[in-house]
């Protein structure tokens, strides 16, 4: 099956692990945040983070705190932990390298159709990071948490009058896949060779080096 049917109207990108190679930055930040909680807790935190990419840090922190204390945490504790996490990651994400081919793919697509960021990172922080990397002008919209990705995609499709099958979502986590599936948007996964968190049959690429060929090639196939 083609990635996109007909003319490519828009492309949606997750950010961490898709545009920037910054997943490890956030893994290390969660590890540091819970360094005093013992190895078992730190291992559980690390596993949950890696298995649930794209979920907001607020939801992750609530989950971790409930594991540690056995009861749902107060909002003030979650907010404090989230602020600590932000201080640990912002500069590191700004300085992180691009996923291979990402900048070229963004530049090429920018000249062909609107492109959007749809991320689980808090939206104000996401906008600051993208601005610091001089990428803001490339995107028709930059969206993050607290809204869910499914809600964001649906809103963009409606407001811009887009046909879902004429768009594509590029992501590295099941939250991206689920949001695309829920809104009828074709999905392309980004994952290391030999490892894919996505269902069998999902189109998966190792980086963005050949993203444009993947999308346009699918269009041109006539399938």
C-alpha atoms as a PDB file:
ATOM      1  CA  UNK A   1       0.000   0.000   0.000  1.00  0.00           C
ATOM      2  CA  UNK A   2       1.209   3.550  -0.629  1.00  0.00           C
ATOM      3  CA  UNK A   3       2.139   5.790   2.265  1.00  0.00           C
ATOM      4  CA  UNK A   4       0.022   8.611   0.861  1.00  0.00           C
ATOM      5  CA  UNK A   5      -2.869   8.512  -1.592  1.00  0.00           C
ATOM      6  CA  UNK A   6      -2.954  11.340  -4.113  1.00  0.00           C
ATOM      7  CA  UNK A   7      -1.308  14.719  -3.647  1.00  0.00           C
ATOM      8  CA  UNK A   8       0.668  15.186  -0.447  1.00  0.00           C
ATOM      9  CA  UNK A   9      -1.223  17.883   1.481  1.00  0.00           C
ATOM     10  CA  UNK A  10       0.680  17.914   4.804  1.00  0.00           C
ATOM     11  CA  UNK A  11       3.171  15.972   6.926  1.00  0.00           C
ATOM     12  CA  UNK A  12       3.081  15.691  10.724  1.00  0.00           C
ATOM     13  CA  UNK A  13       6.251  15.026  12.719  1.00  0.00           C
ATOM     14  CA  UNK A  14       6.886  13.931  16.255  1.00  0.00           C
ATOM     15  CA  UNK A  15       9.980  15.705  17.604  1.00  0.00           C
ATOM     16  CA  UNK A  16      12.180  13.648  19.964  1.00  0.00           C
ATOM     17  CA  UNK A  17      13.586  10.646  18.136  1.00  0.00           C
ATOM     18  CA  UNK A  18      12.195  11.802  14.789  1.00  0.00           C
ATOM     19  CA  UNK A  19      13.619  15.260  14.135  1.00  0.00           C
ATOM     20  CA  UNK A  20      16.162  15.398  16.965  1.00  0.00           C
ATOM     21  CA  UNK A  21      18.156  12.521  18.419  1.00  0.00           C
ATOM     22  CA  UNK A  22      17.064  13.471  21.924  1.00  0.00           C
ATOM     23  CA  UNK A  23      15.330  10.400  23.360  1.00  0.00           C
ATOM     24  CA  UNK A  24      18.449   9.462  25.355  1.00  0.00           C
ATOM     25  CA  UNK A  25      18.579  12.988  26.798  1.00  0.00           C
ATOM     26  CA  UNK A  26      15.171  12.482  28.380  1.00  0.00           C
ATOM     27  CA  UNK A  27      15.969   8.938  29.487  1.00  0.00           C
ATOM     28  CA  UNK A  28      19.011  10.272  31.345  1.00  0.00           C
ATOM     29  CA  UNK A  29      16.953  13.096  32.843  1.00  0.00           C
ATOM     30  CA  UNK A  30      14.359  10.699  34.274  1.00  0.00           C
ATOM     31  CA  UNK A  31      17.206   8.562  35.605  1.00  0.00           C
ATOM     32  CA  UNK A  32      18.699  11.601  37.360  1.00  0.00           C
ATOM     33  CA  UNK A  33      15.288  12.676  38.663  1.00  0.00           C
ATOM     34  CA  UNK A  34      14.861   9.369  40.495  1.00  0.00           C
ATOM     35  CA  UNK A  35      18.494   8.615  41.341  1.00  0.00           C
ATOM     36  CA  UNK A  36      17.730   8.538  45.085  1.00  0.00           C
ATOM     37  CA  UNK A  37      14.869   6.047  44.688  1.00  0.00           C
ATOM     38  CA  UNK A  38      16.994   2.925  44.279  1.00  0.00           C
ATOM     39  CA  UNK A  39      18.042   0.820  41.307  1.00  0.00           C
ATOM     40  CA  UNK A  40      14.757  -1.077  41.006  1.00  0.00           C
ATOM     41  CA  UNK A  41      12.717   2.121  40.744  1.00  0.00           C
ATOM     42  CA  UNK A  42      15.206   3.684  38.334  1.00  0.00           C
ATOM     43  CA  UNK A  43      15.066   0.598  36.133  1.00  0.00           C
ATOM     44  CA  UNK A  44      11.261   0.676  36.178  1.00  0.00           C
ATOM     45  CA  UNK A  45      11.261   4.388  35.326  1.00  0.00           C
ATOM     46  CA  UNK A  46      13.665   3.837  32.452  1.00  0.00           C
ATOM     47  CA  UNK A  47      11.682   0.930  31.009  1.00  0.00           C
ATOM     48  CA  UNK A  48       8.365   2.755  31.239  1.00  0.00           C
ATOM     49  CA  UNK A  49       9.812   5.852  29.577  1.00  0.00           C
ATOM     50  CA  UNK A  50      11.254   3.872  26.668  1.00  0.00           C
ATOM     51  CA  UNK A  51       8.115   1.784  26.203  1.00  0.00           C
ATOM     52  CA  UNK A  52       5.793   4.796  26.291  1.00  0.00           C
ATOM     53  CA  UNK A  53       7.468   7.335  24.058  1.00  0.00           C
ATOM     54  CA  UNK A  54       5.277  10.295  23.189  1.00  0.00           C
ATOM     55  CA  UNK A  55       3.335  10.267  26.457  1.00  0.00           C
ATOM     56  CA  UNK A  56       3.599  13.571  28.319  1.00  0.00           C
ATOM     57  CA  UNK A  57       6.067  13.824  31.192  1.00  0.00           C
ATOM     58  CA  UNK A  58       3.188  14.774  33.509  1.00  0.00           C
ATOM     59  CA  UNK A  59       1.522  11.403  32.951  1.00  0.00           C
ATOM     60  CA  UNK A  60       4.847   9.601  33.321  1.00  0.00           C
ATOM     61  CA  UNK A  61       5.705  11.389  36.562  1.00  0.00           C
ATOM     62  CA  UNK A  62       2.254  10.654  37.994  1.00  0.00           C
ATOM     63  CA  UNK A  63       2.817   6.991  37.170  1.00  0.00           C
ATOM     64  CA  UNK A  64       6.298   6.926  38.736  1.00  0.00           C
ATOM     65  CA  UNK A  65       5.205   8.698  41.902  1.00  0.00           C
ATOM     66  CA  UNK A  66       2.303   6.302  42.367  1.00  0.00           C
ATOM     67  CA  UNK A  67       4.673   3.336  41.976  1.00  0.00           C
ATOM     68  CA  UNK A  68       7.017   4.774  44.602  1.00  0.00           C
ATOM     69  CA  UNK A  69       4.395   5.887  47.137  1.00  0.00           C
ATOM     70  CA  UNK A  70       1.496   3.554  46.421  1.00  0.00           C
ATOM     71  CA  UNK A  71      -1.015   6.394  46.128  1.00  0.00           C
ATOM     72  CA  UNK A  72      -1.754   9.028  43.458  1.00  0.00           C
ATOM     73  CA  UNK A  73       0.564  12.033  43.955  1.00  0.00           C
ATOM     74  CA  UNK A  74      -0.502  15.593  44.706  1.00  0.00           C
ATOM     75  CA  UNK A  75      -0.490  17.955  41.732  1.00  0.00           C
ATOM     76  CA  UNK A  76       2.144  20.099  43.463  1.00  0.00           C
ATOM     77  CA  UNK A  77       4.591  17.186  43.618  1.00  0.00           C
ATOM     78  CA  UNK A  78       4.047  16.373  39.951  1.00  0.00           C
ATOM     79  CA  UNK A  79       4.536  20.032  38.978  1.00  0.00           C
ATOM     80  CA  UNK A  80       7.756  20.276  40.994  1.00  0.00           C
ATOM     81  CA  UNK A  81       9.166  17.121  39.407  1.00  0.00           C
ATOM     82  CA  UNK A  82       8.162  18.352  35.946  1.00  0.00           C
ATOM     83  CA  UNK A  83      10.005  21.639  36.518  1.00  0.00           C
ATOM     84  CA  UNK A  84      13.111  19.757  37.631  1.00  0.00           C
ATOM     85  CA  UNK A  85      12.873  17.571  34.543  1.00  0.00           C
ATOM     86  CA  UNK A  86      12.553  20.599  32.242  1.00  0.00           C
ATOM     87  CA  UNK A  87      15.678  22.174  33.728  1.00  0.00           C
ATOM     88  CA  UNK A  88      17.581  18.967  33.054  1.00  0.00           C
ATOM     89  CA  UNK A  89      16.550  18.572  29.423  1.00  0.00           C
ATOM     90  CA  UNK A  90      15.943  21.884  27.638  1.00  0.00           C
ATOM     91  CA  UNK A  91      19.548  22.878  26.911  1.00  0.00           C
ATOM     92  CA  UNK A  92      20.494  19.292  26.087  1.00  0.00           C
ATOM     93  CA  UNK A  93      17.643  18.911  23.588  1.00  0.00           C
ATOM     94  CA  UNK A  94      18.545  22.215  21.950  1.00  0.00           C
ATOM     95  CA  UNK A  95      22.120  20.956  21.553  1.00  0.00           C
ATOM     96  CA  UNK A  96      21.197  17.419  20.450  1.00  0.00           C
ATOM     97  CA  UNK A  97      22.062  16.285  16.909  1.00  0.00           C
ATOM     98  CA  UNK A  98      19.479  15.856  14.187  1.00  0.00           C
ATOM     99  CA  UNK A  99      18.265  12.412  13.241  1.00  0.00           C
ATOM    100  CA  UNK A 100      20.105  11.584  10.007  1.00  0.00           C
ATOM    101  CA  UNK A 101      18.444  13.301   7.064  1.00  0.00           C
ATOM    102  CA  UNK A 102      15.986  15.246   9.211  1.00  0.00           C
ATOM    103  CA  UNK A 103      17.049  18.779   8.363  1.00  0.00           C
ATOM    104  CA  UNK A 104      17.234  18.051   4.636  1.00  0.00           C
ATOM    105  CA  UNK A 105      13.818  16.374   4.735  1.00  0.00           C
ATOM    106  CA  UNK A 106      12.268  19.344   6.538  1.00  0.00           C
ATOM    107  CA  UNK A 107      13.775  21.808   4.070  1.00  0.00           C
ATOM    108  CA  UNK A 108      12.573  19.766   1.093  1.00  0.00           C
ATOM    109  CA  UNK A 109       9.045  19.218   2.409  1.00  0.00           C
ATOM    110  CA  UNK A 110       8.703  22.853   3.490  1.00  0.00           C
ATOM    111  CA  UNK A 111       8.746  23.821  -0.167  1.00  0.00           C
ATOM    112  CA  UNK A 112       6.073  21.285  -1.103  1.00  0.00           C
ATOM    113  CA  UNK A 113       3.399  21.229   1.606  1.00  0.00           C
ATOM    114  CA  UNK A 114       2.662  22.438   5.150  1.00  0.00           C
ATOM    115  CA  UNK A 115       4.537  20.536   7.845  1.00  0.00           C
ATOM    116  CA  UNK A 116       3.604  20.372  11.518  1.00  0.00           C
ATOM    117  CA  UNK A 117       5.156  19.218  14.791  1.00  0.00           C
ATOM    118  CA  UNK A 118       2.861  17.081  16.960  1.00  0.00           C
ATOM    119  CA  UNK A 119       4.719  16.188  20.159  1.00  0.00           C
ATOM    120  CA  UNK A 120       4.198  15.049  23.733  1.00  0.00           C
ATOM    121  CA  UNK A 121       6.550  17.775  24.984  1.00  0.00           C
ATOM    122  CA  UNK A 122       4.823  20.707  26.760  1.00  0.00           C
ATOM    123  CA  UNK A 123       3.931  23.140  24.001  1.00  0.00           C
ATOM    124  CA  UNK A 124       5.622  26.312  25.373  1.00  0.00           C
ATOM    125  CA  UNK A 125       8.862  24.386  25.951  1.00  0.00           C
ATOM    126  CA  UNK A 126       8.604  22.767  22.523  1.00  0.00           C
ATOM    127  CA  UNK A 127       8.217  26.152  20.845  1.00  0.00           C
ATOM    128  CA  UNK A 128      11.250  27.517  22.730  1.00  0.00           C
ATOM    129  CA  UNK A 129      13.393  24.543  21.687  1.00  0.00           C
ATOM    130  CA  UNK A 130      12.353  24.783  18.044  1.00  0.00           C
ATOM    131  CA  UNK A 131      12.974  28.539  18.066  1.00  0.00           C
ATOM    132  CA  UNK A 132      16.442  28.063  19.577  1.00  0.00           C
ATOM    133  CA  UNK A 133      17.236  25.642  16.749  1.00  0.00           C
ATOM    134  CA  UNK A 134      16.042  28.198  14.146  1.00  0.00           C
ATOM    135  CA  UNK A 135      13.342  25.882  12.828  1.00  0.00           C
ATOM    136  CA  UNK A 136      10.161  27.824  13.597  1.00  0.00           C
ATOM    137  CA  UNK A 137       9.710  29.248  10.111  1.00  0.00           C
ATOM    138  CA  UNK A 138       9.652  25.764   8.578  1.00  0.00           C
ATOM    139  CA  UNK A 139       6.468  24.715  10.357  1.00  0.00           C
ATOM    140  CA  UNK A 140       2.860  25.660   9.705  1.00  0.00           C
ATOM    141  CA  UNK A 141       2.113  24.730  13.318  1.00  0.00           C
ATOM    142  CA  UNK A 142       3.910  23.517  16.454  1.00  0.00           C
ATOM    143  CA  UNK A 143       1.774  21.600  18.942  1.00  0.00           C
ATOM    144  CA  UNK A 144       2.491  19.749  22.180  1.00  0.00           C
ATOM    145  CA  UNK A 145       0.974  18.611  25.448  1.00  0.00           C
ATOM    146  CA  UNK A 146      -1.274  18.831  27.387  1.00  0.00           C
ATOM    147  CA  UNK A 147      -3.461  18.055  24.372  1.00  0.00           C
ATOM    148  CA  UNK A 148      -3.343  14.476  23.115  1.00  0.00           C
ATOM    149  CA  UNK A 149      -1.851  13.818  19.701  1.00  0.00           C
ATOM    150  CA  UNK A 150      -5.092  12.376  18.372  1.00  0.00           C
ATOM    151  CA  UNK A 151      -6.898  15.598  19.311  1.00  0.00           C
ATOM    152  CA  UNK A 152      -4.181  17.751  17.739  1.00  0.00           C
ATOM    153  CA  UNK A 153      -4.195  15.801  14.474  1.00  0.00           C
ATOM    154  CA  UNK A 154      -7.967  15.897  14.244  1.00  0.00           C
ATOM    155  CA  UNK A 155      -7.999  19.635  14.857  1.00  0.00           C
ATOM    156  CA  UNK A 156      -5.355  20.320  12.191  1.00  0.00           C
ATOM    157  CA  UNK A 157      -7.144  18.161   9.629  1.00  0.00           C
ATOM    158  CA  UNK A 158     -10.419  19.994  10.246  1.00  0.00           C
ATOM    159  CA  UNK A 159      -9.062  23.549  10.418  1.00  0.00           C
ATOM    160  CA  UNK A 160      -6.928  23.191   7.292  1.00  0.00           C
ATOM    161  CA  UNK A 161      -9.472  21.191   5.310  1.00  0.00           C
ATOM    162  CA  UNK A 162      -7.040  18.298   4.807  1.00  0.00           C
ATOM    163  CA  UNK A 163      -7.920  14.843   3.533  1.00  0.00           C
ATOM    164  CA  UNK A 164      -6.336  12.341   5.954  1.00  0.00           C
ATOM    165  CA  UNK A 165      -5.173   9.951   3.204  1.00  0.00           C
ATOM    166  CA  UNK A 166      -3.325  12.852   1.568  1.00  0.00           C
ATOM    167  CA  UNK A 167      -1.192  13.399   4.693  1.00  0.00           C
ATOM    168  CA  UNK A 168       1.334  11.389   6.725  1.00  0.00           C
ATOM    169  CA  UNK A 169       2.428  11.120  10.354  1.00  0.00           C
ATOM    170  CA  UNK A 170       6.102  10.417  11.066  1.00  0.00           C
ATOM    171  CA  UNK A 171       6.745   9.042  14.561  1.00  0.00           C
ATOM    172  CA  UNK A 172       8.875   6.755  16.690  1.00  0.00           C
ATOM    173  CA  UNK A 173       6.332   5.611  19.281  1.00  0.00           C
ATOM    174  CA  UNK A 174       3.007   3.834  19.525  1.00  0.00           C
ATOM    175  CA  UNK A 175       1.359   7.069  20.644  1.00  0.00           C
ATOM    176  CA  UNK A 176       2.175   8.453  17.185  1.00  0.00           C
ATOM    177  CA  UNK A 177       0.900   5.313  15.476  1.00  0.00           C
ATOM    178  CA  UNK A 178      -2.298   5.277  17.547  1.00  0.00           C
ATOM    179  CA  UNK A 179      -3.011   8.960  16.860  1.00  0.00           C
ATOM    180  CA  UNK A 180      -2.506   8.447  13.131  1.00  0.00           C
ATOM    181  CA  UNK A 181      -4.709   5.356  13.068  1.00  0.00           C
ATOM    182  CA  UNK A 182      -7.469   7.088  15.043  1.00  0.00           C
ATOM    183  CA  UNK A 183      -7.584   9.979  12.570  1.00  0.00           C
ATOM    184  CA  UNK A 184      -7.103   7.978   9.365  1.00  0.00           C
ATOM    185  CA  UNK A 185      -3.659   9.439   8.681  1.00  0.00           C
ATOM    186  CA  UNK A 186      -1.071   7.151   7.012  1.00  0.00           C
ATOM    187  CA  UNK A 187       1.869   6.414   9.312  1.00  0.00           C
ATOM    188  CA  UNK A 188       5.618   6.019   8.827  1.00  0.00           C
ATOM    189  CA  UNK A 189       7.573   4.718  11.806  1.00  0.00           C
ATOM    190  CA  UNK A 190      11.156   5.629  12.656  1.00  0.00           C
ATOM    191  CA  UNK A 191      13.056   2.833  14.397  1.00  0.00           C
ATOM    192  CA  UNK A 192      16.494   1.278  14.534  1.00  0.00           C
ATOM    193  CA  UNK A 193      17.088  -1.591  12.095  1.00  0.00           C
ATOM    194  CA  UNK A 194      16.015  -4.880  13.617  1.00  0.00           C
ATOM    195  CA  UNK A 195      13.743  -3.255  16.177  1.00  0.00           C
ATOM    196  CA  UNK A 196      10.258  -1.894  15.654  1.00  0.00           C
ATOM    197  CA  UNK A 197       7.615  -1.223  18.305  1.00  0.00           C
ATOM    198  CA  UNK A 198       4.942  -1.087  15.604  1.00  0.00           C
ATOM    199  CA  UNK A 199       2.530  -3.747  14.326  1.00  0.00           C
ATOM    200  CA  UNK A 200       3.604  -5.999  11.474  1.00  0.00           C
ATOM    201  CA  UNK A 201       3.076  -4.370   8.110  1.00  0.00           C
ATOM    202  CA  UNK A 202       3.891  -0.852   9.322  1.00  0.00           C
ATOM    203  CA  UNK A 203       6.219   1.085   7.031  1.00  0.00           C
ATOM    204  CA  UNK A 204       9.366   1.702   9.092  1.00  0.00           C
ATOM    205  CA  UNK A 205      12.513   3.646   8.171  1.00  0.00           C
ATOM    206  CA  UNK A 206      15.770   3.913  10.182  1.00  0.00           C
ATOM    207  CA  UNK A 207      16.046   7.701   9.796  1.00  0.00           C
ATOM    208  CA  UNK A 208      14.795  10.486   7.537  1.00  0.00           C
ATOM    209  CA  UNK A 209      17.479  10.210   4.852  1.00  0.00           C
ATOM    210  CA  UNK A 210      15.024   8.744   2.326  1.00  0.00           C
ATOM    211  CA  UNK A 211      11.773  10.080   3.760  1.00  0.00           C
ATOM    212  CA  UNK A 212      10.952  12.215   0.747  1.00  0.00           C
ATOM    213  CA  UNK A 213      11.567   9.277  -1.597  1.00  0.00           C
ATOM    214  CA  UNK A 214       9.354   7.103   0.605  1.00  0.00           C
ATOM    215  CA  UNK A 215       6.447   9.545   0.448  1.00  0.00           C
ATOM    216  CA  UNK A 216       6.742  10.654  -3.166  1.00  0.00           C
ATOM    217  CA  UNK A 217       7.674   7.183  -4.370  1.00  0.00           C
ATOM    218  CA  UNK A 218       4.519   5.823  -2.828  1.00  0.00           C
ATOM    219  CA  UNK A 219       2.517   8.545  -4.539  1.00  0.00           C
ATOM    220  CA  UNK A 220       4.131   7.869  -7.877  1.00  0.00           C
ATOM    221  CA  UNK A 221       3.569   4.121  -7.724  1.00  0.00           C
ATOM    222  CA  UNK A 222      -0.143   4.489  -8.496  1.00  0.00           C
ATOM    223  CA  UNK A 223      -0.934   1.587  -6.146  1.00  0.00           C
END
